[in-house]
């Protein structure tokens, strides 16, 4: 170095060497400044500074997005190969006095929490508390929020797929990320709509507790009637005629005591129904109401039924003679199923030899509801050999019904439980000695198996005297109303359905 310095002095002269050295020094400082600017530029919202030379930092920046108890914090790298570190103005020897004053004067806005709304859905077998905790709510908050909902609606009644809206207050992600933590969530509100007529809202109060309220929507009631011919099935053709699914299901239940929908319905049979509907503020139908009259023509015979309350608060459907449509036992204790095997001798599909098939089989998808065929007491609800999951019900007059191969039992159904006719007791499955999902249904009379489809069982109540007179008067009034009611039809087209009223 000394050799080159001497040579430089000799070649350039003393004054020229000093000028060149100054130019090179200025160029070096400029390059360092450009490098510092390039390193600091990506840190938007930070103020650059320098440390005392003994720490030899590569870059320094001050975080302007948050405020700590000990003031602004600096992001530094003490060596060229170090990762970034956080330093405080309180650290002795880190900053010069001038930089400490400058950085302390920086005004740092606090991190503002933001409101976040999310929608979640209840999974099968999941509780509302679990859903809230999974979404990020504190478990204690979730517990108190669910308690506030329970004052207006039982969370146990919520079905799988129920949509729930949640509101949180959350710290910005960049503020939380400086501590290496996920953004903190603070549950503030829950909204759910268990049915079309009501909404439940829970909000956090100023003291941190939760309170709930129930809002009921107001609807107007109107009436409609529909009629059609069965070409495929009552369900499909009823839907084409504009009948809501709930009304079609109700019609099937009305006639399940006297009509075998799997064998007796034929193309050309006709139906008619008069029912109530609820309309919103835009006069759009939002919910089906009650069936007030229905007519079903099967094999040339017409079955007409009217809804009527005799005055004792127990309404029922009655025919034109005032006879209740109900019978002691339902003919088919399942909706929309196909009769796959009848009563009598047959070759067993698993064992391979012929034996008495002591009931009837209804093929249906797994999970299809099964109804109690009549009022009675459950005598068994458990696993029972080749029958799989099995329910037996004891009825009056020596009758007993049995339901086999169930996927599961309805809530609360166990030995000793009293059940009502039409109550859901279980669900179709394929447990035990079964080749596919179906209901095996048996009827026992005084301990002997009987054919459920050929059984003659007692009928329900019959109106007489003043009750019969009131029923006939209501029928006449209803006939006038039906003549004035609009007929609802549905025109199907590819990819869409439209409703029109004529």
Protein backbone atom coordinates (compact mmCIF):
# COMPACT_ATOMS: atom_id res chain seq x y z
CA UNK A 1 0.00 0.00 0.00
CA UNK A 2 2.79 2.39 0.90
CA UNK A 3 4.43 1.58 -2.45
CA UNK A 4 1.26 2.39 -4.38
CA UNK A 5 0.66 5.55 -2.35
CA UNK A 6 4.16 6.79 -3.04
CA UNK A 7 3.80 6.01 -6.71
CA UNK A 8 0.54 7.90 -6.79
CA UNK A 9 2.05 10.95 -5.22
CA UNK A 10 4.91 10.91 -7.69
CA UNK A 11 2.63 10.36 -10.68
CA UNK A 12 -0.15 12.79 -9.82
CA UNK A 13 1.44 15.19 -7.47
CA UNK A 14 0.39 16.00 -3.95
CA UNK A 15 -2.63 18.21 -4.78
CA UNK A 16 -4.03 15.95 -7.43
CA UNK A 17 -3.79 12.90 -5.13
CA UNK A 18 -5.78 14.70 -2.43
CA UNK A 19 -8.50 15.66 -4.94
CA UNK A 20 -8.80 12.11 -6.23
CA UNK A 21 -9.01 10.71 -2.72
CA UNK A 22 -11.83 13.12 -1.91
CA UNK A 23 -13.74 12.12 -5.03
CA UNK A 24 -13.43 8.45 -4.25
CA UNK A 25 -14.58 9.04 -0.66
CA UNK A 26 -17.66 10.95 -1.84
CA UNK A 27 -18.46 8.20 -4.31
CA UNK A 28 -18.24 5.58 -1.52
CA UNK A 29 -20.55 7.55 0.76
CA UNK A 30 -23.02 7.92 -2.09
CA UNK A 31 -23.03 4.21 -2.77
CA UNK A 32 -23.57 3.45 0.92
CA UNK A 33 -26.49 5.88 0.98
CA UNK A 34 -28.07 4.25 -2.05
CA UNK A 35 -27.65 0.83 -0.41
CA UNK A 36 -29.28 2.00 2.81
CA UNK A 37 -32.18 3.50 0.89
CA UNK A 38 -32.70 0.27 -1.00
CA UNK A 39 -32.77 -1.78 2.21
CA UNK A 40 -35.15 0.53 4.04
CA UNK A 41 -37.52 1.22 1.13
CA UNK A 42 -39.63 -1.97 1.56
CA UNK A 43 -40.53 -0.99 5.12
CA UNK A 44 -43.52 1.25 4.50
CA UNK A 45 -44.52 3.22 7.58
CA UNK A 46 -41.13 3.13 9.31
CA UNK A 47 -38.56 5.85 10.01
CA UNK A 48 -34.89 5.07 9.40
CA UNK A 49 -32.16 5.88 11.94
CA UNK A 50 -28.56 5.01 12.77
CA UNK A 51 -27.02 3.36 15.79
CA UNK A 52 -23.74 4.04 17.51
CA UNK A 53 -20.86 2.77 15.49
CA UNK A 54 -19.79 0.13 17.99
CA UNK A 55 -22.90 -1.97 17.14
CA UNK A 56 -22.10 -1.83 13.40
CA UNK A 57 -25.74 -2.16 12.20
CA UNK A 58 -26.65 -3.01 8.64
CA UNK A 59 -30.10 -1.32 8.68
CA UNK A 60 -32.39 0.24 11.28
CA UNK A 61 -36.12 1.04 11.06
CA UNK A 62 -38.71 2.22 13.55
CA UNK A 63 -42.15 0.57 13.67
CA UNK A 64 -44.86 3.21 13.27
CA UNK A 65 -47.82 0.77 13.41
CA UNK A 66 -47.78 0.08 17.13
CA UNK A 67 -46.83 1.55 20.48
CA UNK A 68 -45.09 -0.37 23.25
CA UNK A 69 -44.90 0.55 26.93
CA UNK A 70 -41.28 1.59 26.48
CA UNK A 71 -41.94 3.70 23.38
CA UNK A 72 -41.24 3.10 19.65
CA UNK A 73 -39.23 0.06 18.71
CA UNK A 74 -36.49 -0.25 16.09
CA UNK A 75 -35.99 -3.14 13.68
CA UNK A 76 -32.23 -3.69 13.35
CA UNK A 77 -29.59 -6.08 12.04
CA UNK A 78 -26.38 -5.85 14.08
CA UNK A 79 -24.24 -7.75 11.55
CA UNK A 80 -24.53 -8.08 7.78
CA UNK A 81 -25.58 -11.75 8.09
CA UNK A 82 -27.97 -11.32 11.06
CA UNK A 83 -31.74 -11.56 10.87
CA UNK A 84 -33.77 -8.52 11.91
CA UNK A 85 -34.16 -7.89 15.63
CA UNK A 86 -36.30 -5.49 17.67
CA UNK A 87 -34.60 -2.93 19.91
CA UNK A 88 -36.10 -0.39 22.31
CA UNK A 89 -35.07 3.20 22.86
CA UNK A 90 -34.58 2.17 26.47
CA UNK A 91 -31.68 -0.12 25.51
CA UNK A 92 -28.53 1.58 26.81
CA UNK A 93 -25.95 2.51 24.20
CA UNK A 94 -28.11 1.58 21.21
CA UNK A 95 -28.86 5.11 19.98
CA UNK A 96 -27.15 8.48 20.08
CA UNK A 97 -28.82 11.18 22.16
CA UNK A 98 -29.93 13.01 19.01
CA UNK A 99 -31.56 9.89 17.53
CA UNK A 100 -33.26 9.07 20.85
CA UNK A 101 -34.88 12.53 20.84
CA UNK A 102 -35.88 12.22 17.18
CA UNK A 103 -37.40 8.75 17.57
CA UNK A 104 -39.18 9.62 20.81
CA UNK A 105 -40.86 12.48 18.99
CA UNK A 106 -42.30 10.13 16.35
CA UNK A 107 -46.08 9.93 16.74
CA UNK A 108 -47.16 6.28 16.40
CA UNK A 109 -50.87 5.62 15.78
CA UNK A 110 -52.30 2.71 17.82
CA UNK A 111 -53.42 -0.47 16.03
CA UNK A 112 -57.16 -0.22 15.36
CA UNK A 113 -59.25 -3.41 15.71
CA UNK A 114 -61.56 -4.21 12.82
CA UNK A 115 -64.92 -5.93 12.60
CA UNK A 116 -64.93 -9.31 10.85
CA UNK A 117 -68.05 -11.24 9.87
CA UNK A 118 -68.01 -14.94 9.04
CA UNK A 119 -70.68 -17.52 8.23
CA UNK A 120 -70.42 -21.07 9.54
CA UNK A 121 -72.61 -24.16 9.24
CA UNK A 122 -73.47 -26.75 11.86
CA UNK A 123 -72.02 -30.17 10.99
CA UNK A 124 -73.76 -33.43 11.81
CA UNK A 125 -73.28 -34.31 15.50
CA UNK A 126 -71.67 -30.94 16.24
CA UNK A 127 -72.82 -28.66 19.06
CA UNK A 128 -73.24 -24.90 18.72
CA UNK A 129 -70.52 -24.33 21.34
CA UNK A 130 -68.09 -26.43 19.28
CA UNK A 131 -68.92 -24.46 16.13
CA UNK A 132 -68.19 -21.14 17.88
CA UNK A 133 -64.91 -22.40 19.34
CA UNK A 134 -63.81 -23.75 15.96
CA UNK A 135 -64.51 -20.33 14.41
CA UNK A 136 -62.12 -18.71 16.90
CA UNK A 137 -64.38 -17.66 19.78
CA UNK A 138 -63.10 -17.98 23.33
CA UNK A 139 -64.72 -21.05 24.94
CA UNK A 140 -66.05 -19.05 27.89
CA UNK A 141 -67.55 -16.49 25.50
CA UNK A 142 -69.05 -19.33 23.44
CA UNK A 143 -70.64 -20.84 26.57
CA UNK A 144 -72.28 -17.56 27.64
CA UNK A 145 -73.40 -16.73 24.08
CA UNK A 146 -75.10 -20.13 23.73
CA UNK A 147 -76.78 -19.60 27.12
CA UNK A 148 -78.20 -16.31 25.80
CA UNK A 149 -79.57 -18.12 22.72
CA UNK A 150 -81.12 -20.85 24.91
CA UNK A 151 -83.39 -18.27 26.55
CA UNK A 152 -85.22 -17.97 23.20
CA UNK A 153 -84.49 -21.19 21.30
CA UNK A 154 -83.03 -24.56 22.23
CA UNK A 155 -79.72 -25.10 20.36
CA UNK A 156 -80.46 -28.84 20.43
CA UNK A 157 -83.20 -28.25 17.86
CA UNK A 158 -80.71 -26.91 15.30
CA UNK A 159 -80.21 -29.22 12.35
CA UNK A 160 -77.04 -30.08 10.48
CA UNK A 161 -76.40 -27.47 7.80
CA UNK A 162 -77.92 -24.62 9.84
CA UNK A 163 -76.15 -21.41 8.80
CA UNK A 164 -74.94 -19.11 11.58
CA UNK A 165 -73.51 -15.57 11.19
CA UNK A 166 -70.74 -14.53 13.59
CA UNK A 167 -69.18 -11.11 14.22
CA UNK A 168 -65.72 -10.61 15.75
CA UNK A 169 -63.50 -7.68 16.64
CA UNK A 170 -60.02 -8.59 15.45
CA UNK A 171 -56.57 -6.92 15.58
CA UNK A 172 -55.03 -6.23 12.15
CA UNK A 173 -52.88 -9.09 10.95
CA UNK A 174 -49.75 -6.95 10.60
CA UNK A 175 -50.00 -5.76 14.21
CA UNK A 176 -50.39 -9.27 15.56
CA UNK A 177 -47.71 -10.67 13.25
CA UNK A 178 -44.97 -8.57 14.92
CA UNK A 179 -45.44 -10.73 18.01
CA UNK A 180 -45.58 -13.92 15.96
CA UNK A 181 -49.21 -14.51 17.01
CA UNK A 182 -52.45 -15.05 15.11
CA UNK A 183 -54.90 -12.11 15.21
CA UNK A 184 -56.89 -12.13 18.47
CA UNK A 185 -60.68 -12.59 17.98
CA UNK A 186 -63.30 -11.08 20.26
CA UNK A 187 -66.82 -12.47 19.72
CA UNK A 188 -69.38 -9.64 19.53
CA UNK A 189 -72.55 -11.05 17.92
CA UNK A 190 -74.33 -14.20 16.71
CA UNK A 191 -77.30 -14.32 14.33
CA UNK A 192 -79.22 -17.41 13.22
CA UNK A 193 -82.59 -18.09 11.63
CA UNK A 194 -83.92 -21.47 12.82
CA UNK A 195 -86.99 -21.15 10.60
CA UNK A 196 -88.53 -18.75 8.10
CA UNK A 197 -90.62 -17.01 10.74
CA UNK A 198 -88.03 -16.10 13.35
CA UNK A 199 -84.48 -14.90 13.83
CA UNK A 200 -82.34 -15.08 17.00
CA UNK A 201 -79.69 -12.42 17.61
CA UNK A 202 -77.17 -12.37 20.47
CA UNK A 203 -74.95 -9.32 21.09
CA UNK A 204 -72.21 -8.49 23.58
CA UNK A 205 -73.17 -5.76 26.05
CA UNK A 206 -70.93 -2.98 27.35
CA UNK A 207 -70.09 -4.98 30.47
CA UNK A 208 -68.92 -7.96 28.40
CA UNK A 209 -72.00 -10.14 29.00
CA UNK A 210 -74.26 -11.47 26.22
CA UNK A 211 -77.97 -10.82 25.74
CA UNK A 212 -80.32 -12.24 23.13
CA UNK A 213 -83.55 -11.29 21.43
CA UNK A 214 -86.01 -13.01 19.15
CA UNK A 215 -87.49 -11.30 16.10
CA UNK A 216 -90.66 -12.69 14.55
CA UNK A 217 -91.50 -11.95 10.92
CA UNK A 218 -95.08 -11.08 10.08
CA UNK A 219 -96.74 -12.82 7.17
CA UNK A 220 -100.15 -12.63 5.58
CA UNK A 221 -102.14 -15.83 5.00
CA UNK A 222 -103.80 -16.80 1.76
CA UNK A 223 -105.18 -19.93 0.11
CA UNK A 224 -104.48 -21.82 -3.10
CA UNK A 225 -105.65 -24.99 -4.77
CA UNK A 226 -103.99 -27.34 -7.20
CA UNK A 227 -105.18 -30.28 -9.27
CA UNK A 228 -103.53 -32.71 -11.63
CA UNK A 229 -103.25 -36.17 -13.13
CA UNK A 230 -100.72 -38.71 -11.91
CA UNK A 231 -98.47 -39.88 -14.74
CA UNK A 232 -95.43 -40.87 -12.70
CA UNK A 233 -96.00 -40.42 -8.95
CA UNK A 234 -97.98 -38.18 -6.64
CA UNK A 235 -94.77 -36.48 -5.52
CA UNK A 236 -93.45 -35.68 -9.01
CA UNK A 237 -96.77 -34.73 -10.57
CA UNK A 238 -97.85 -32.80 -7.48
CA UNK A 239 -94.67 -30.75 -7.68
CA UNK A 240 -95.33 -30.04 -11.37
CA UNK A 241 -98.79 -28.78 -10.38
CA UNK A 242 -97.18 -26.25 -8.00
CA UNK A 243 -97.64 -28.10 -4.72
CA UNK A 244 -94.97 -27.38 -2.08
CA UNK A 245 -93.17 -30.57 -0.93
CA UNK A 246 -94.63 -30.24 2.60
CA UNK A 247 -98.18 -30.37 1.20
CA UNK A 248 -97.41 -33.45 -0.90
CA UNK A 249 -95.93 -35.24 2.13
CA UNK A 250 -99.00 -34.33 4.17
CA UNK A 251 -101.29 -35.79 1.47
CA UNK A 252 -99.30 -39.04 1.52
CA UNK A 253 -99.74 -39.24 5.30
CA UNK A 254 -103.47 -38.43 5.03
CA UNK A 255 -104.08 -41.37 2.71
CA UNK A 256 -101.46 -43.79 4.07
CA UNK A 257 -104.16 -45.50 6.14
CA UNK A 258 -106.29 -46.47 3.16
CA UNK A 259 -104.08 -46.28 0.02
CA UNK A 260 -100.97 -48.31 -0.77
CA UNK A 261 -98.89 -45.79 -2.70
CA UNK A 262 -96.45 -48.49 -3.83
CA UNK A 263 -99.00 -50.77 -5.51
CA UNK A 264 -102.36 -49.04 -5.94
CA UNK A 265 -101.43 -45.72 -7.60
CA UNK A 266 -101.63 -45.99 -11.40
CA UNK A 267 -101.14 -43.55 -14.31
CA UNK A 268 -104.36 -41.61 -14.88
CA UNK A 269 -105.27 -41.31 -11.20
CA UNK A 270 -106.16 -37.74 -10.18
CA UNK A 271 -105.65 -35.46 -7.20
CA UNK A 272 -106.86 -32.09 -5.93
CA UNK A 273 -105.88 -30.14 -2.81
CA UNK A 274 -106.84 -26.85 -1.16
CA UNK A 275 -104.27 -25.45 1.29
CA UNK A 276 -103.15 -22.31 3.08
CA UNK A 277 -99.90 -20.45 2.45
CA UNK A 278 -98.02 -17.61 4.11
CA UNK A 279 -96.84 -14.63 2.07
CA UNK A 280 -94.14 -12.04 2.82
CA UNK A 281 -94.31 -8.26 2.33
CA UNK A 282 -93.69 -8.73 -1.41
CA UNK A 283 -96.64 -11.13 -1.67
CA UNK A 284 -94.23 -13.99 -2.32
CA UNK A 285 -95.21 -17.40 -0.86
CA UNK A 286 -92.62 -18.35 1.75
CA UNK A 287 -94.21 -21.18 3.72
CA UNK A 288 -96.87 -23.81 3.20
CA UNK A 289 -99.66 -23.94 5.76
CA UNK A 290 -102.33 -26.59 6.35
CA UNK A 291 -104.25 -28.88 4.02
CA UNK A 292 -107.96 -28.04 4.38
CA UNK A 293 -109.28 -30.35 1.68
CA UNK A 294 -107.86 -33.13 -0.47
CA UNK A 295 -109.23 -35.50 -3.06
CA UNK A 296 -107.47 -38.56 -4.46
CA UNK A 297 -108.97 -40.76 -7.18
CA UNK A 298 -107.42 -44.23 -7.24
CA UNK A 299 -108.63 -46.98 -9.58
CA UNK A 300 -111.86 -45.10 -10.27
CA UNK A 301 -112.68 -44.57 -6.57
CA UNK A 302 -112.47 -41.05 -5.14
CA UNK A 303 -111.34 -40.46 -1.55
CA UNK A 304 -112.20 -36.99 -0.18
CA UNK A 305 -111.00 -35.66 3.15
CA UNK A 306 -111.63 -32.40 5.06
CA UNK A 307 -109.68 -30.97 7.99
CA UNK A 308 -112.00 -30.36 10.97
CA UNK A 309 -111.75 -29.66 14.70
CA UNK A 310 -114.79 -31.13 16.50
CA UNK A 311 -114.36 -28.56 19.26
CA UNK A 312 -112.16 -30.50 21.66
CA UNK A 313 -108.91 -29.12 20.23
CA UNK A 314 -107.99 -32.41 18.52
CA UNK A 315 -108.38 -31.83 14.77
CA UNK A 316 -108.39 -34.64 12.25
CA UNK A 317 -109.24 -35.39 8.61
CA UNK A 318 -112.77 -36.73 8.01
CA UNK A 319 -114.54 -38.14 4.95
CA UNK A 320 -117.93 -36.95 3.69
CA UNK A 321 -119.72 -39.12 6.26
CA UNK A 322 -117.78 -37.69 9.21
CA UNK A 323 -115.59 -40.77 9.57
CA UNK A 324 -111.99 -40.12 10.63
CA UNK A 325 -109.39 -41.15 8.07
CA UNK A 326 -107.26 -42.58 10.87
CA UNK A 327 -107.20 -46.29 11.50
CA UNK A 328 -105.86 -48.22 14.42
CA UNK A 329 -102.59 -48.88 12.54
CA UNK A 330 -101.00 -47.20 9.53
CA UNK A 331 -100.77 -49.34 6.42
CA UNK A 332 -97.25 -48.14 5.55
CA UNK A 333 -95.24 -46.48 8.35
CA UNK A 334 -92.80 -44.83 5.92
CA UNK A 335 -93.05 -42.17 3.18
CA UNK A 336 -92.04 -42.61 -0.45
CA UNK A 337 -90.69 -46.14 -0.07
CA UNK A 338 -90.93 -49.00 -2.58
CA UNK A 339 -92.39 -52.36 -1.55
CA UNK A 340 -89.45 -54.71 -2.21
CA UNK A 341 -90.67 -57.90 -0.57
CA UNK A 342 -94.11 -59.05 0.55
CA UNK A 343 -95.43 -61.30 3.31
CA UNK A 344 -95.19 -65.11 2.93
CA UNK A 345 -92.81 -67.91 1.94
CA UNK A 346 -89.71 -66.86 0.02
CA UNK A 347 -86.08 -67.84 -0.57
CA UNK A 348 -83.99 -66.00 1.99
CA UNK A 349 -81.52 -63.69 0.16
CA UNK A 350 -78.67 -64.50 2.59
CA UNK A 351 -79.40 -67.95 4.03
CA UNK A 352 -80.36 -69.35 0.60
CA UNK A 353 -83.33 -71.53 1.62
CA UNK A 354 -87.09 -70.90 1.69
CA UNK A 355 -88.69 -69.69 4.89
CA UNK A 356 -91.60 -67.53 6.02
CA UNK A 357 -91.01 -63.85 5.50
CA UNK A 358 -93.02 -62.65 8.48
CA UNK A 359 -93.39 -59.04 7.39
CA UNK A 360 -93.04 -56.67 4.45
CA UNK A 361 -89.92 -54.83 3.25
CA UNK A 362 -89.87 -51.22 2.08
CA UNK A 363 -86.73 -50.20 0.18
CA UNK A 364 -85.72 -46.61 0.91
CA UNK A 365 -82.54 -44.52 1.22
CA UNK A 366 -80.57 -44.71 4.46
CA UNK A 367 -81.86 -42.16 6.95
CA UNK A 368 -85.48 -42.10 5.71
CA UNK A 369 -87.76 -41.46 8.74
CA UNK A 370 -89.84 -44.37 10.09
CA UNK A 371 -93.13 -43.67 11.90
CA UNK A 372 -94.90 -45.46 14.72
CA UNK A 373 -97.80 -47.27 13.05
CA UNK A 374 -100.08 -46.56 16.02
CA UNK A 375 -100.23 -45.29 19.59
CA UNK A 376 -98.44 -47.58 22.02
CA UNK A 377 -95.49 -48.31 24.30
CA UNK A 378 -92.00 -49.23 23.08
CA UNK A 379 -91.06 -52.67 24.44
CA UNK A 380 -87.63 -52.96 22.75
CA UNK A 381 -85.23 -50.50 21.12
CA UNK A 382 -81.80 -52.11 20.74
CA UNK A 383 -79.71 -54.56 18.72
CA UNK A 384 -81.58 -57.82 18.17
CA UNK A 385 -79.69 -60.57 16.31
CA UNK A 386 -80.19 -60.70 12.54
CA UNK A 387 -82.80 -57.92 12.79
CA UNK A 388 -80.02 -55.43 13.54
CA UNK A 389 -81.28 -52.29 15.23
CA UNK A 390 -84.85 -53.19 16.19
CA UNK A 391 -87.91 -51.51 17.69
CA UNK A 392 -91.09 -53.21 18.90
CA UNK A 393 -94.22 -51.37 20.04
CA UNK A 394 -97.12 -52.81 22.03
CA UNK A 395 -100.56 -51.46 21.04
CA UNK A 396 -104.05 -52.07 22.39
CA UNK A 397 -106.25 -55.07 21.57
CA UNK A 398 -103.36 -57.58 21.34
CA UNK A 399 -101.50 -55.83 18.48
CA UNK A 400 -97.74 -55.36 18.31
CA UNK A 401 -95.60 -53.86 15.52
CA UNK A 402 -91.88 -54.36 14.83
CA UNK A 403 -89.33 -52.36 12.78
CA UNK A 404 -85.96 -53.90 11.84
CA UNK A 405 -82.56 -53.12 10.23
CA UNK A 406 -82.70 -49.48 11.39
CA UNK A 407 -79.74 -47.17 10.91
CA UNK A 408 -80.52 -45.55 14.27
CA UNK A 409 -83.21 -44.64 16.78
CA UNK A 410 -84.96 -41.28 17.15
CA UNK A 411 -84.03 -39.19 20.16
CA UNK A 412 -85.72 -40.39 23.35
CA UNK A 413 -86.99 -43.69 21.92
CA UNK A 414 -86.21 -46.52 24.35
CA UNK A 415 -88.02 -49.35 26.12
CA UNK A 416 -90.93 -47.92 28.12
CA UNK A 417 -91.38 -44.80 25.95
CA UNK A 418 -94.95 -43.89 25.00
CA UNK A 419 -95.27 -43.00 21.30
CA UNK A 420 -98.04 -41.50 19.19
CA UNK A 421 -99.18 -42.64 15.77
CA UNK A 422 -97.09 -40.97 13.07
CA UNK A 423 -94.24 -40.08 15.47
CA UNK A 424 -90.73 -40.61 14.08
CA UNK A 425 -89.16 -43.52 15.98
CA UNK A 426 -86.11 -44.36 13.84
CA UNK A 427 -84.42 -44.22 10.45
CA UNK A 428 -83.94 -46.65 7.58
CA UNK A 429 -80.67 -48.57 7.56
CA UNK A 430 -79.08 -51.92 6.69
CA UNK A 431 -77.99 -53.34 10.02
CA UNK A 432 -78.10 -57.04 10.87
CA UNK A 433 -78.73 -59.66 8.15
CA UNK A 434 -79.53 -57.22 5.37
CA UNK A 435 -78.46 -56.83 1.75
CA UNK A 436 -79.30 -53.13 1.45
CA UNK A 437 -81.09 -50.21 3.16
CA UNK A 438 -84.74 -51.01 3.83
CA UNK A 439 -87.39 -51.24 6.55
CA UNK A 440 -88.60 -54.69 7.58
CA UNK A 441 -92.06 -54.12 9.10
CA UNK A 442 -94.08 -56.71 11.02
CA UNK A 443 -97.50 -56.82 12.68
CA UNK A 444 -98.19 -59.38 15.42
CA UNK A 445 -101.75 -60.12 16.58
CA UNK A 446 -101.99 -62.06 19.84
CA UNK A 447 -98.43 -63.28 19.34
CA UNK A 448 -98.85 -64.45 15.71
CA UNK A 449 -97.41 -62.71 12.66
CA UNK A 450 -99.98 -61.22 10.26
CA UNK A 451 -99.76 -59.63 6.79
CA UNK A 452 -99.62 -55.85 7.44
CA UNK A 453 -101.06 -55.01 4.00
CA UNK A 454 -104.07 -57.34 4.29
CA UNK A 455 -104.93 -56.57 7.90
CA UNK A 456 -108.40 -55.20 8.70
CA UNK A 457 -107.96 -52.87 11.64
CA UNK A 458 -110.48 -50.72 13.53
CA UNK A 459 -111.09 -47.17 12.29
CA UNK A 460 -110.92 -43.93 14.25
CA UNK A 461 -113.66 -41.67 15.63
CA UNK A 462 -116.93 -40.87 13.83
CA UNK A 463 -118.72 -37.52 14.07
CA UNK A 464 -122.31 -37.50 15.25
CA UNK A 465 -125.03 -35.04 16.30
CA UNK A 466 -123.93 -31.42 16.67
CA UNK A 467 -120.36 -32.21 15.65
CA UNK A 468 -121.51 -33.76 12.38
CA UNK A 469 -123.78 -30.77 11.67
CA UNK A 470 -120.89 -28.34 12.27
CA UNK A 471 -118.68 -30.40 9.99
CA UNK A 472 -121.20 -30.27 7.12
CA UNK A 473 -121.62 -26.51 7.53
CA UNK A 474 -117.85 -26.03 7.34
CA UNK A 475 -117.72 -28.14 4.18
CA UNK A 476 -120.19 -25.82 2.44
CA UNK A 477 -118.24 -22.73 3.45
CA UNK A 478 -115.02 -24.30 2.24
CA UNK A 479 -116.58 -25.17 -1.13
CA UNK A 480 -117.37 -21.46 -1.69
CA UNK A 481 -113.83 -20.42 -0.73
CA UNK A 482 -112.31 -23.00 -3.04
CA UNK A 483 -114.28 -21.71 -6.00
CA UNK A 484 -112.75 -18.26 -5.47
CA UNK A 485 -109.18 -19.40 -4.74
CA UNK A 486 -106.46 -19.15 -7.44
CA UNK A 487 -105.13 -22.34 -8.97
CA UNK A 488 -101.38 -22.68 -8.62
CA UNK A 489 -99.50 -24.28 -11.49
CA UNK A 490 -95.83 -24.68 -12.27
CA UNK A 491 -94.44 -24.71 -15.76
CA UNK A 492 -91.14 -26.61 -15.88
CA UNK A 493 -88.44 -25.64 -18.33
CA UNK A 494 -84.84 -26.63 -18.77
CA UNK A 495 -82.73 -25.28 -15.95
CA UNK A 496 -85.49 -23.30 -14.20
CA UNK A 497 -88.97 -23.39 -12.71
CA UNK A 498 -91.48 -20.54 -12.65
CA UNK A 499 -94.69 -20.16 -10.64
CA UNK A 500 -97.82 -18.64 -12.10
CA UNK A 501 -101.31 -18.21 -10.70
CA UNK A 502 -104.38 -18.44 -12.95
